[in-house]
Amino acid sequence: MKKFLALVFVSALALSCSGAFAADYEMIVGHAQPEGNPRWVSMEKFAADVEKLTNGGVKVTVFGNGQLGTEKEMLEQVVQGVVQGMRGGQFDFSPRLLMFTLPFLTNTRA
C-alpha cells in the first residue's frame, strides 16, 4: 500500500510540474523617456532579446513615455511587485547618486 501511495504521489507531482516548464510569462517594464530616446531603444532591444533567448517563453511588454507613472512611482510599483522592471528613478530615492552627474556640468576638460 505504501508503494502504491508513493507512486501516486510521485505521479501527481510529475504531472503538476510538467506544466511549469511550458508556462509563458509576461514581464512588464517601464521608463519615462519618449520614443527614439536611447533608453527607449535599449528597452525595445532588451524585450526582443529576452523573447528570442527564451523562445517566446517570456514576453516583455515595454511601457515608455511615463505611461506607468513617474520614475519614482514606477520604482514603487517594482518594490510592490506590480511591475517587474523599470529604468531610471534612482535619484528620487537616493539623491546622493546625483554626484555621478557632476562630470557633465561643463563641456570642456579641465
PDB file of N, CA and C in Angstrom:
ATOM      1  N   MET A   1       0.824  -1.192   0.000  1.00  0.00           N
ATOM      2  CA  MET A   1       0.000   0.000   0.000  1.00  0.00           C
ATOM      3  C   MET A   1       0.877   1.270   0.000  1.00  0.00           C
ATOM      4  N   LYS A   2       1.978   1.245   0.784  1.00  0.00           N
ATOM      5  CA  LYS A   2       2.844   2.406   0.845  1.00  0.00           C
ATOM      6  C   LYS A   2       3.492   2.680  -0.508  1.00  0.00           C
ATOM      7  N   LYS A   3       3.864   1.611  -1.217  1.00  0.00           N
ATOM      8  CA  LYS A   3       4.466   1.784  -2.531  1.00  0.00           C
ATOM      9  C   LYS A   3       3.461   2.398  -3.502  1.00  0.00           C
ATOM     10  N   PHE A   4       2.218   1.977  -3.404  1.00  0.00           N
ATOM     11  CA  PHE A   4       1.176   2.500  -4.277  1.00  0.00           C
ATOM     12  C   PHE A   4       0.959   3.987  -4.004  1.00  0.00           C
ATOM     13  N   LEU A   5       0.878   4.382  -2.728  1.00  0.00           N
ATOM     14  CA  LEU A   5       0.700   5.792  -2.383  1.00  0.00           C
ATOM     15  C   LEU A   5       1.896   6.636  -2.832  1.00  0.00           C
ATOM     16  N   ALA A   6       3.090   6.064  -2.681  1.00  0.00           N
ATOM     17  CA  ALA A   6       4.283   6.774  -3.128  1.00  0.00           C
ATOM     18  C   ALA A   6       4.247   6.962  -4.640  1.00  0.00           C
ATOM     19  N   LEU A   7       3.809   5.939  -5.380  1.00  0.00           N
ATOM     20  CA  LEU A   7       3.707   6.034  -6.832  1.00  0.00           C
ATOM     21  C   LEU A   7       2.674   7.079  -7.241  1.00  0.00           C
ATOM     22  N   VAL A   8       1.540   7.117  -6.563  1.00  0.00           N
ATOM     23  CA  VAL A   8       0.508   8.109  -6.856  1.00  0.00           C
ATOM     24  C   VAL A   8       1.041   9.523  -6.574  1.00  0.00           C
ATOM     25  N   PHE A   9       1.743   9.676  -5.450  1.00  0.00           N
ATOM     26  CA  PHE A   9       2.294  10.979  -5.081  1.00  0.00           C
ATOM     27  C   PHE A   9       3.315  11.462  -6.111  1.00  0.00           C
ATOM     28  N   VAL A  10       4.225  10.583  -6.494  1.00  0.00           N
ATOM     29  CA  VAL A  10       5.252  10.942  -7.478  1.00  0.00           C
ATOM     30  C   VAL A  10       4.612  11.251  -8.825  1.00  0.00           C
ATOM     31  N   SER A  11       3.610  10.496  -9.221  1.00  0.00           N
ATOM     32  CA  SER A  11       2.925  10.755 -10.494  1.00  0.00           C
ATOM     33  C   SER A  11       2.221  12.106 -10.472  1.00  0.00           C
ATOM     34  N   ALA A  12       1.540  12.402  -9.373  1.00  0.00           N
ATOM     35  CA  ALA A  12       0.849  13.685  -9.259  1.00  0.00           C
ATOM     36  C   ALA A  12       1.843  14.839  -9.275  1.00  0.00           C
ATOM     37  N   LEU A  13       2.971  14.662  -8.601  1.00  0.00           N
ATOM     38  CA  LEU A  13       3.997  15.694  -8.580  1.00  0.00           C
ATOM     39  C   LEU A  13       4.581  15.917  -9.979  1.00  0.00           C
ATOM     40  N   ALA A  14       4.833  14.832 -10.696  1.00  0.00           N
ATOM     41  CA  ALA A  14       5.386  14.936 -12.051  1.00  0.00           C
ATOM     42  C   ALA A  14       4.405  15.639 -12.988  1.00  0.00           C
ATOM     43  N   LEU A  15       3.125  15.313 -12.869  1.00  0.00           N
ATOM     44  CA  LEU A  15       2.126  15.941 -13.727  1.00  0.00           C
ATOM     45  C   LEU A  15       1.966  17.421 -13.414  1.00  0.00           C
ATOM     46  N   SER A  16       2.042  17.780 -12.138  1.00  0.00           N
ATOM     47  CA  SER A  16       1.877  19.182 -11.778  1.00  0.00           C
ATOM     48  C   SER A  16       3.086  20.012 -12.185  1.00  0.00           C
ATOM     49  N   CYS A  17       4.267  19.426 -12.188  1.00  0.00           N
ATOM     50  CA  CYS A  17       5.485  20.162 -12.556  1.00  0.00           C
ATOM     51  C   CYS A  17       5.675  20.265 -14.055  1.00  0.00           C
ATOM     52  N   SER A  18       5.105  19.357 -14.807  1.00  0.00           N
ATOM     53  CA  SER A  18       5.344  19.365 -16.249  1.00  0.00           C
ATOM     54  C   SER A  18       4.825  20.631 -16.904  1.00  0.00           C
ATOM     55  N   GLY A  19       3.748  21.188 -16.408  1.00  0.00           N
ATOM     56  CA  GLY A  19       3.208  22.409 -16.974  1.00  0.00           C
ATOM     57  C   GLY A  19       4.013  23.642 -16.616  1.00  0.00           C
ATOM     58  N   ALA A  20       4.768  23.573 -15.531  1.00  0.00           N
ATOM     59  CA  ALA A  20       5.531  24.735 -15.089  1.00  0.00           C
ATOM     60  C   ALA A  20       6.634  25.097 -16.080  1.00  0.00           C
ATOM     61  N   PHE A  21       7.175  24.119 -16.742  1.00  0.00           N
ATOM     62  CA  PHE A  21       8.254  24.393 -17.685  1.00  0.00           C
ATOM     63  C   PHE A  21       7.739  24.925 -19.015  1.00  0.00           C
ATOM     64  N   ALA A  22       6.482  24.662 -19.320  1.00  0.00           N
ATOM     65  CA  ALA A  22       5.927  25.107 -20.591  1.00  0.00           C
ATOM     66  C   ALA A  22       5.156  26.413 -20.450  1.00  0.00           C
ATOM     67  N   ALA A  23       5.107  26.949 -19.233  1.00  0.00           N
ATOM     68  CA  ALA A  23       4.306  28.151 -18.998  1.00  0.00           C
ATOM     69  C   ALA A  23       4.929  29.367 -19.670  1.00  0.00           C
ATOM     70  N   ASP A  24       4.080  30.257 -20.112  1.00  0.00           N
ATOM     71  CA  ASP A  24       4.519  31.518 -20.687  1.00  0.00           C
ATOM     72  C   ASP A  24       4.368  32.600 -19.632  1.00  0.00           C
ATOM     73  N   TYR A  25       5.306  33.519 -19.616  1.00  0.00           N
ATOM     74  CA  TYR A  25       5.297  34.598 -18.644  1.00  0.00           C
ATOM     75  C   TYR A  25       5.311  35.939 -19.357  1.00  0.00           C
ATOM     76  N   GLU A  26       4.699  36.925 -18.723  1.00  0.00           N
ATOM     77  CA  GLU A  26       4.751  38.285 -19.256  1.00  0.00           C
ATOM     78  C   GLU A  26       5.469  39.161 -18.245  1.00  0.00           C
ATOM     79  N   MET A  27       6.425  39.910 -18.718  1.00  0.00           N
ATOM     80  CA  MET A  27       7.192  40.821 -17.888  1.00  0.00           C
ATOM     81  C   MET A  27       6.853  42.241 -18.299  1.00  0.00           C
ATOM     82  N   ILE A  28       6.430  43.051 -17.342  1.00  0.00           N
ATOM     83  CA  ILE A  28       6.071  44.432 -17.625  1.00  0.00           C
ATOM     84  C   ILE A  28       7.195  45.327 -17.135  1.00  0.00           C
ATOM     85  N   VAL A  29       7.742  46.134 -18.042  1.00  0.00           N
ATOM     86  CA  VAL A  29       8.797  47.085 -17.687  1.00  0.00           C
ATOM     87  C   VAL A  29       8.404  48.463 -18.199  1.00  0.00           C
ATOM     88  N   GLY A  30       8.897  49.481 -17.528  1.00  0.00           N
ATOM     89  CA  GLY A  30       8.547  50.827 -17.924  1.00  0.00           C
ATOM     90  C   GLY A  30       9.719  51.787 -17.827  1.00  0.00           C
ATOM     91  N   HIS A  31       9.560  52.917 -18.473  1.00  0.00           N
ATOM     92  CA  HIS A  31      10.515  54.018 -18.383  1.00  0.00           C
ATOM     93  C   HIS A  31       9.782  55.293 -18.753  1.00  0.00           C
ATOM     94  N   ALA A  32      10.389  56.437 -18.492  1.00  0.00           N
ATOM     95  CA  ALA A  32       9.707  57.713 -18.698  1.00  0.00           C
ATOM     96  C   ALA A  32      10.192  58.472 -19.924  1.00  0.00           C
ATOM     97  N   GLN A  33      10.986  57.849 -20.761  1.00  0.00           N
ATOM     98  CA  GLN A  33      11.573  58.558 -21.900  1.00  0.00           C
ATOM     99  C   GLN A  33      10.712  58.430 -23.158  1.00  0.00           C
ATOM    100  N   PRO A  34      10.788  59.427 -24.057  1.00  0.00           N
ATOM    101  CA  PRO A  34       9.999  59.398 -25.290  1.00  0.00           C
ATOM    102  C   PRO A  34      10.589  58.437 -26.321  1.00  0.00           C
ATOM    103  N   GLU A  35       9.760  58.107 -27.293  1.00  0.00           N
ATOM    104  CA  GLU A  35      10.190  57.212 -28.367  1.00  0.00           C
ATOM    105  C   GLU A  35      11.382  57.816 -29.101  1.00  0.00           C
ATOM    106  N   GLY A  36      12.366  56.953 -29.424  1.00  0.00           N
ATOM    107  CA  GLY A  36      13.568  57.402 -30.105  1.00  0.00           C
ATOM    108  C   GLY A  36      14.713  57.686 -29.151  1.00  0.00           C
ATOM    109  N   ASN A  37      14.421  57.897 -27.875  1.00  0.00           N
ATOM    110  CA  ASN A  37      15.445  58.123 -26.862  1.00  0.00           C
ATOM    111  C   ASN A  37      16.276  56.854 -26.696  1.00  0.00           C
ATOM    112  N   PRO A  38      17.576  56.968 -26.402  1.00  0.00           N
ATOM    113  CA  PRO A  38      18.408  55.766 -26.218  1.00  0.00           C
ATOM    114  C   PRO A  38      17.848  54.781 -25.183  1.00  0.00           C
ATOM    115  N   ARG A  39      17.205  55.290 -24.151  1.00  0.00           N
ATOM    116  CA  ARG A  39      16.605  54.402 -23.164  1.00  0.00           C
ATOM    117  C   ARG A  39      15.463  53.601 -23.795  1.00  0.00           C
ATOM    118  N   TRP A  40      14.668  54.263 -24.636  1.00  0.00           N
ATOM    119  CA  TRP A  40      13.568  53.584 -25.333  1.00  0.00           C
ATOM    120  C   TRP A  40      14.135  52.477 -26.222  1.00  0.00           C
ATOM    121  N   VAL A  41      15.164  52.830 -26.999  1.00  0.00           N
ATOM    122  CA  VAL A  41      15.777  51.873 -27.920  1.00  0.00           C
ATOM    123  C   VAL A  41      16.352  50.676 -27.163  1.00  0.00           C
ATOM    124  N   SER A  42      17.027  50.945 -26.042  1.00  0.00           N
ATOM    125  CA  SER A  42      17.625  49.841 -25.275  1.00  0.00           C
ATOM    126  C   SER A  42      16.568  48.936 -24.663  1.00  0.00           C
ATOM    127  N   MET A  43      15.449  49.498 -24.226  1.00  0.00           N
ATOM    128  CA  MET A  43      14.386  48.665 -23.649  1.00  0.00           C
ATOM    129  C   MET A  43      13.714  47.804 -24.725  1.00  0.00           C
ATOM    130  N   GLU A  44      13.542  48.354 -25.909  1.00  0.00           N
ATOM    131  CA  GLU A  44      12.970  47.561 -27.003  1.00  0.00           C
ATOM    132  C   GLU A  44      13.923  46.423 -27.393  1.00  0.00           C
ATOM    133  N   LYS A  45      15.229  46.707 -27.413  1.00  0.00           N
ATOM    134  CA  LYS A  45      16.227  45.675 -27.708  1.00  0.00           C
ATOM    135  C   LYS A  45      16.204  44.600 -26.620  1.00  0.00           C
ATOM    136  N   PHE A  46      16.100  45.019 -25.350  1.00  0.00           N
ATOM    137  CA  PHE A  46      16.010  44.084 -24.236  1.00  0.00           C
ATOM    138  C   PHE A  46      14.811  43.155 -24.418  1.00  0.00           C
ATOM    139  N   ALA A  47      13.664  43.718 -24.772  1.00  0.00           N
ATOM    140  CA  ALA A  47      12.448  42.923 -24.964  1.00  0.00           C
ATOM    141  C   ALA A  47      12.634  41.903 -26.083  1.00  0.00           C
ATOM    142  N   ALA A  48      13.219  42.340 -27.184  1.00  0.00           N
ATOM    143  CA  ALA A  48      13.441  41.432 -28.319  1.00  0.00           C
ATOM    144  C   ALA A  48      14.420  40.324 -27.943  1.00  0.00           C
ATOM    145  N   ASP A  49      15.493  40.674 -27.229  1.00  0.00           N
ATOM    146  CA  ASP A  49      16.492  39.669 -26.836  1.00  0.00           C
ATOM    147  C   ASP A  49      15.911  38.640 -25.872  1.00  0.00           C
ATOM    148  N   VAL A  50      15.120  39.090 -24.909  1.00  0.00           N
ATOM    149  CA  VAL A  50      14.536  38.157 -23.941  1.00  0.00           C
ATOM    150  C   VAL A  50      13.589  37.191 -24.636  1.00  0.00           C
ATOM    151  N   GLU A  51      12.740  37.718 -25.512  1.00  0.00           N
ATOM    152  CA  GLU A  51      11.800  36.848 -26.225  1.00  0.00           C
ATOM    153  C   GLU A  51      12.543  35.850 -27.113  1.00  0.00           C
ATOM    154  N   LYS A  52      13.621  36.287 -27.747  1.00  0.00           N
ATOM    155  CA  LYS A  52      14.397  35.401 -28.611  1.00  0.00           C
ATOM    156  C   LYS A  52      15.103  34.316 -27.798  1.00  0.00           C
ATOM    157  N   LEU A  53      15.764  34.717 -26.710  1.00  0.00           N
ATOM    158  CA  LEU A  53      16.550  33.764 -25.920  1.00  0.00           C
ATOM    159  C   LEU A  53      15.694  32.792 -25.116  1.00  0.00           C
ATOM    160  N   THR A  54      14.437  33.143 -24.870  1.00  0.00           N
ATOM    161  CA  THR A  54      13.544  32.221 -24.152  1.00  0.00           C
ATOM    162  C   THR A  54      12.591  31.509 -25.110  1.00  0.00           C
ATOM    163  N   ASN A  55      12.846  31.646 -26.407  1.00  0.00           N
ATOM    164  CA  ASN A  55      11.986  31.039 -27.438  1.00  0.00           C
ATOM    165  C   ASN A  55      10.523  31.418 -27.257  1.00  0.00           C
ATOM    166  N   GLY A  56      10.293  32.664 -26.904  1.00  0.00           N
ATOM    167  CA  GLY A  56       8.935  33.161 -26.729  1.00  0.00           C
ATOM    168  C   GLY A  56       8.322  32.806 -25.386  1.00  0.00           C
ATOM    169  N   GLY A  57       9.077  32.191 -24.504  1.00  0.00           N
ATOM    170  CA  GLY A  57       8.542  31.806 -23.195  1.00  0.00           C
ATOM    171  C   GLY A  57       8.305  32.989 -22.277  1.00  0.00           C
ATOM    172  N   VAL A  58       9.048  34.065 -22.494  1.00  0.00           N
ATOM    173  CA  VAL A  58       8.872  35.285 -21.700  1.00  0.00           C
ATOM    174  C   VAL A  58       8.591  36.421 -22.665  1.00  0.00           C
ATOM    175  N   LYS A  59       7.451  37.059 -22.506  1.00  0.00           N
ATOM    176  CA  LYS A  59       7.088  38.203 -23.347  1.00  0.00           C
ATOM    177  C   LYS A  59       7.292  39.454 -22.511  1.00  0.00           C
ATOM    178  N   VAL A  60       8.107  40.363 -23.015  1.00  0.00           N
ATOM    179  CA  VAL A  60       8.379  41.615 -22.314  1.00  0.00           C
ATOM    180  C   VAL A  60       7.545  42.720 -22.957  1.00  0.00           C
ATOM    181  N   THR A  61       6.702  43.367 -22.155  1.00  0.00           N
ATOM    182  CA  THR A  61       5.908  44.493 -22.626  1.00  0.00           C
ATOM    183  C   THR A  61       6.525  45.759 -22.063  1.00  0.00           C
ATOM    184  N   VAL A  62       6.934  46.656 -22.956  1.00  0.00           N
ATOM    185  CA  VAL A  62       7.603  47.893 -22.552  1.00  0.00           C
ATOM    186  C   VAL A  62       6.609  49.049 -22.634  1.00  0.00           C
ATOM    187  N   PHE A  63       6.493  49.782 -21.534  1.00  0.00           N
ATOM    188  CA  PHE A  63       5.662  50.981 -21.483  1.00  0.00           C
ATOM    189  C   PHE A  63       6.581  52.184 -21.336  1.00  0.00           C
ATOM    190  N   GLY A  64       6.668  52.992 -22.381  1.00  0.00           N
ATOM    191  CA  GLY A  64       7.502  54.182 -22.363  1.00  0.00           C
ATOM    192  C   GLY A  64       6.680  55.438 -22.130  1.00  0.00           C
ATOM    193  N   ASN A  65       7.323  56.583 -22.252  1.00  0.00           N
ATOM    194  CA  ASN A  65       6.659  57.886 -22.108  1.00  0.00           C
ATOM    195  C   ASN A  65       5.980  58.073 -20.762  1.00  0.00           C
ATOM    196  N   GLY A  66       6.422  57.383 -19.751  1.00  0.00           N
ATOM    197  CA  GLY A  66       5.822  57.534 -18.426  1.00  0.00           C
ATOM    198  C   GLY A  66       4.401  57.021 -18.339  1.00  0.00           C
ATOM    199  N   GLN A  67       4.022  56.061 -19.180  1.00  0.00           N
ATOM    200  CA  GLN A  67       2.661  55.533 -19.172  1.00  0.00           C
ATOM    201  C   GLN A  67       2.283  54.876 -17.847  1.00  0.00           C
ATOM    202  N   LEU A  68       3.286  54.374 -17.127  1.00  0.00           N
ATOM    203  CA  LEU A  68       3.020  53.719 -15.845  1.00  0.00           C
ATOM    204  C   LEU A  68       3.183  54.682 -14.673  1.00  0.00           C
ATOM    205  N   GLY A  69       3.485  55.952 -14.959  1.00  0.00           N
ATOM    206  CA  GLY A  69       3.674  56.951 -13.911  1.00  0.00           C
ATOM    207  C   GLY A  69       5.056  57.564 -13.993  1.00  0.00           C
ATOM    208  N   THR A  70       5.385  58.344 -12.974  1.00  0.00           N
ATOM    209  CA  THR A  70       6.714  58.952 -12.917  1.00  0.00           C
ATOM    210  C   THR A  70       7.736  57.867 -12.583  1.00  0.00           C
ATOM    211  N   GLU A  71       9.014  58.215 -12.700  1.00  0.00           N
ATOM    212  CA  GLU A  71      10.051  57.224 -12.389  1.00  0.00           C
ATOM    213  C   GLU A  71       9.960  56.784 -10.930  1.00  0.00           C
ATOM    214  N   LYS A  72       9.648  57.713 -10.035  1.00  0.00           N
ATOM    215  CA  LYS A  72       9.500  57.367  -8.621  1.00  0.00           C
ATOM    216  C   LYS A  72       8.316  56.417  -8.426  1.00  0.00           C
ATOM    217  N   GLU A  73       7.205  56.689  -9.093  1.00  0.00           N
ATOM    218  CA  GLU A  73       6.029  55.817  -8.973  1.00  0.00           C
ATOM    219  C   GLU A  73       6.308  54.426  -9.543  1.00  0.00           C
ATOM    220  N   MET A  74       7.043  54.372 -10.663  1.00  0.00           N
ATOM    221  CA  MET A  74       7.377  53.063 -11.239  1.00  0.00           C
ATOM    222  C   MET A  74       8.281  52.272 -10.317  1.00  0.00           C
ATOM    223  N   LEU A  75       9.235  52.940  -9.679  1.00  0.00           N
ATOM    224  CA  LEU A  75      10.115  52.246  -8.748  1.00  0.00           C
ATOM    225  C   LEU A  75       9.323  51.696  -7.569  1.00  0.00           C
ATOM    226  N   GLU A  76       8.345  52.459  -7.098  1.00  0.00           N
ATOM    227  CA  GLU A  76       7.475  51.964  -6.033  1.00  0.00           C
ATOM    228  C   GLU A  76       6.658  50.764  -6.502  1.00  0.00           C
ATOM    229  N   GLN A  77       6.221  50.773  -7.761  1.00  0.00           N
ATOM    230  CA  GLN A  77       5.475  49.640  -8.316  1.00  0.00           C
ATOM    231  C   GLN A  77       6.349  48.395  -8.401  1.00  0.00           C
ATOM    232  N   VAL A  78       7.636  48.576  -8.716  1.00  0.00           N
ATOM    233  CA  VAL A  78       8.563  47.445  -8.761  1.00  0.00           C
ATOM    234  C   VAL A  78       8.714  46.860  -7.364  1.00  0.00           C
ATOM    235  N   VAL A  79       8.865  47.725  -6.368  1.00  0.00           N
ATOM    236  CA  VAL A  79       9.007  47.256  -4.982  1.00  0.00           C
ATOM    237  C   VAL A  79       7.764  46.487  -4.547  1.00  0.00           C
ATOM    238  N   GLN A  80       6.583  46.935  -4.985  1.00  0.00           N
ATOM    239  CA  GLN A  80       5.326  46.275  -4.623  1.00  0.00           C
ATOM    240  C   GLN A  80       5.065  45.017  -5.442  1.00  0.00           C
ATOM    241  N   GLY A  81       5.805  44.823  -6.525  1.00  0.00           N
ATOM    242  CA  GLY A  81       5.618  43.645  -7.361  1.00  0.00           C
ATOM    243  C   GLY A  81       4.589  43.807  -8.459  1.00  0.00           C
ATOM    244  N   VAL A  82       4.108  45.033  -8.658  1.00  0.00           N
ATOM    245  CA  VAL A  82       3.118  45.295  -9.709  1.00  0.00           C
ATOM    246  C   VAL A  82       3.781  45.291 -11.081  1.00  0.00           C
ATOM    247  N   VAL A  83       4.976  45.877 -11.147  1.00  0.00           N
ATOM    248  CA  VAL A  83       5.757  45.958 -12.371  1.00  0.00           C
ATOM    249  C   VAL A  83       7.050  45.181 -12.132  1.00  0.00           C
ATOM    250  N   GLN A  84       7.524  44.469 -13.137  1.00  0.00           N
ATOM    251  CA  GLN A  84       8.701  43.625 -12.960  1.00  0.00           C
ATOM    252  C   GLN A  84      10.024  44.355 -13.185  1.00  0.00           C
ATOM    253  N   GLY A  85      10.008  45.516 -13.814  1.00  0.00           N
ATOM    254  CA  GLY A  85      11.246  46.221 -14.057  1.00  0.00           C
ATOM    255  C   GLY A  85      11.017  47.638 -14.549  1.00  0.00           C
ATOM    256  N   MET A  86      12.048  48.466 -14.413  1.00  0.00           N
ATOM    257  CA  MET A  86      11.995  49.836 -14.914  1.00  0.00           C
ATOM    258  C   MET A  86      13.411  50.365 -15.031  1.00  0.00           C
ATOM    259  N   ARG A  87      13.558  51.458 -15.796  1.00  0.00           N
ATOM    260  CA  ARG A  87      14.860  52.127 -15.903  1.00  0.00           C
ATOM    261  C   ARG A  87      14.690  53.552 -15.440  1.00  0.00           C
ATOM    262  N   GLY A  88      15.611  53.986 -14.574  1.00  0.00           N
ATOM    263  CA  GLY A  88      15.578  55.347 -14.066  1.00  0.00           C
ATOM    264  C   GLY A  88      15.013  55.388 -12.653  1.00  0.00           C
ATOM    265  N   GLY A  89      14.880  56.594 -12.112  1.00  0.00           N
ATOM    266  CA  GLY A  89      14.245  56.770 -10.823  1.00  0.00           C
ATOM    267  C   GLY A  89      15.147  56.663  -9.618  1.00  0.00           C
ATOM    268  N   GLN A  90      16.408  56.312  -9.816  1.00  0.00           N
ATOM    269  CA  GLN A  90      17.280  56.125  -8.658  1.00  0.00           C
ATOM    270  C   GLN A  90      17.562  57.425  -7.931  1.00  0.00           C
ATOM    271  N   PHE A  91      17.534  58.569  -8.607  1.00  0.00           N
ATOM    272  CA  PHE A  91      17.837  59.836  -7.966  1.00  0.00           C
ATOM    273  C   PHE A  91      16.718  60.271  -7.019  1.00  0.00           C
ATOM    274  N   ASP A  92      15.499  59.832  -7.276  1.00  0.00           N
ATOM    275  CA  ASP A  92      14.385  60.182  -6.401  1.00  0.00           C
ATOM    276  C   ASP A  92      14.540  59.560  -5.014  1.00  0.00           C
ATOM    277  N   PHE A  93      15.092  58.371  -4.961  1.00  0.00           N
ATOM    278  CA  PHE A  93      15.212  57.674  -3.692  1.00  0.00           C
ATOM    279  C   PHE A  93      16.568  57.860  -3.027  1.00  0.00           C
ATOM    280  N   SER A  94      17.576  58.209  -3.816  1.00  0.00           N
ATOM    281  CA  SER A  94      18.912  58.403  -3.257  1.00  0.00           C
ATOM    282  C   SER A  94      19.583  59.592  -3.942  1.00  0.00           C
ATOM    283  N   PRO A  95      19.295  60.804  -3.472  1.00  0.00           N
ATOM    284  CA  PRO A  95      19.873  61.998  -4.098  1.00  0.00           C
ATOM    285  C   PRO A  95      21.400  62.002  -4.103  1.00  0.00           C
ATOM    286  N   ARG A  96      22.033  61.233  -3.240  1.00  0.00           N
ATOM    287  CA  ARG A  96      23.494  61.172  -3.226  1.00  0.00           C
ATOM    288  C   ARG A  96      24.044  60.677  -4.558  1.00  0.00           C
ATOM    289  N   LEU A  97      23.263  59.913  -5.287  1.00  0.00           N
ATOM    290  CA  LEU A  97      23.720  59.405  -6.579  1.00  0.00           C
ATOM    291  C   LEU A  97      23.895  60.520  -7.611  1.00  0.00           C
ATOM    292  N   LEU A  98      23.330  61.679  -7.342  1.00  0.00           N
ATOM    293  CA  LEU A  98      23.489  62.807  -8.263  1.00  0.00           C
ATOM    294  C   LEU A  98      24.949  63.212  -8.425  1.00  0.00           C
ATOM    295  N   MET A  99      25.806  62.858  -7.480  1.00  0.00           N
ATOM    296  CA  MET A  99      27.220  63.210  -7.598  1.00  0.00           C
ATOM    297  C   MET A  99      27.848  62.595  -8.844  1.00  0.00           C
ATOM    298  N   PHE A 100      27.282  61.513  -9.353  1.00  0.00           N
ATOM    299  CA  PHE A 100      27.829  60.890 -10.554  1.00  0.00           C
ATOM    300  C   PHE A 100      27.505  61.687 -11.815  1.00  0.00           C
ATOM    301  N   THR A 101      26.630  62.671 -11.712  1.00  0.00           N
ATOM    302  CA  THR A 101      26.321  63.518 -12.864  1.00  0.00           C
ATOM    303  C   THR A 101      27.206  64.752 -12.915  1.00  0.00           C
ATOM    304  N   LEU A 102      28.048  64.976 -11.914  1.00  0.00           N
ATOM    305  CA  LEU A 102      28.922  66.149 -11.873  1.00  0.00           C
ATOM    306  C   LEU A 102      29.843  66.283 -13.084  1.00  0.00           C
ATOM    307  N   PRO A 103      30.389  65.214 -13.630  1.00  0.00           N
ATOM    308  CA  PRO A 103      31.272  65.388 -14.788  1.00  0.00           C
ATOM    309  C   PRO A 103      30.586  66.023 -15.993  1.00  0.00           C
ATOM    310  N   PHE A 104      29.276  66.066 -16.006  1.00  0.00           N
ATOM    311  CA  PHE A 104      28.543  66.607 -17.149  1.00  0.00           C
ATOM    312  C   PHE A 104      28.154  68.075 -16.955  1.00  0.00           C
ATOM    313  N   LEU A 105      28.694  68.730 -15.919  1.00  0.00           N
ATOM    314  CA  LEU A 105      28.375  70.134 -15.678  1.00  0.00           C
ATOM    315  C   LEU A 105      29.030  71.050 -16.703  1.00  0.00           C
ATOM    316  N   THR A 106      30.150  70.653 -17.254  1.00  0.00           N
ATOM    317  CA  THR A 106      30.861  71.508 -18.219  1.00  0.00           C
ATOM    318  C   THR A 106      31.065  70.746 -19.540  1.00  0.00           C
ATOM    319  N   ASN A 107      31.291  71.506 -20.586  1.00  0.00           N
ATOM    320  CA  ASN A 107      31.514  70.905 -21.892  1.00  0.00           C
ATOM    321  C   ASN A 107      32.991  70.652 -22.180  1.00  0.00           C
ATOM    322  N   THR A 108      33.859  71.224 -21.393  1.00  0.00           N
ATOM    323  CA  THR A 108      35.286  71.127 -21.671  1.00  0.00           C
ATOM    324  C   THR A 108      35.990  70.309 -20.594  1.00  0.00           C
ATOM    325  N   ARG A 109      37.175  69.830 -20.961  1.00  0.00           N
ATOM    326  CA  ARG A 109      38.010  69.142 -19.978  1.00  0.00           C
ATOM    327  C   ARG A 109      38.845  70.166 -19.256  1.00  0.00           C
ATOM    328  N   ALA A 110      38.873  70.139 -18.003  1.00  0.00           N
ATOM    329  CA  ALA A 110      39.685  70.996 -17.131  1.00  0.00           C
ATOM    330  C   ALA A 110      40.277  72.154 -17.865  1.00  0.00           C
TER     331      ALA A 110
END
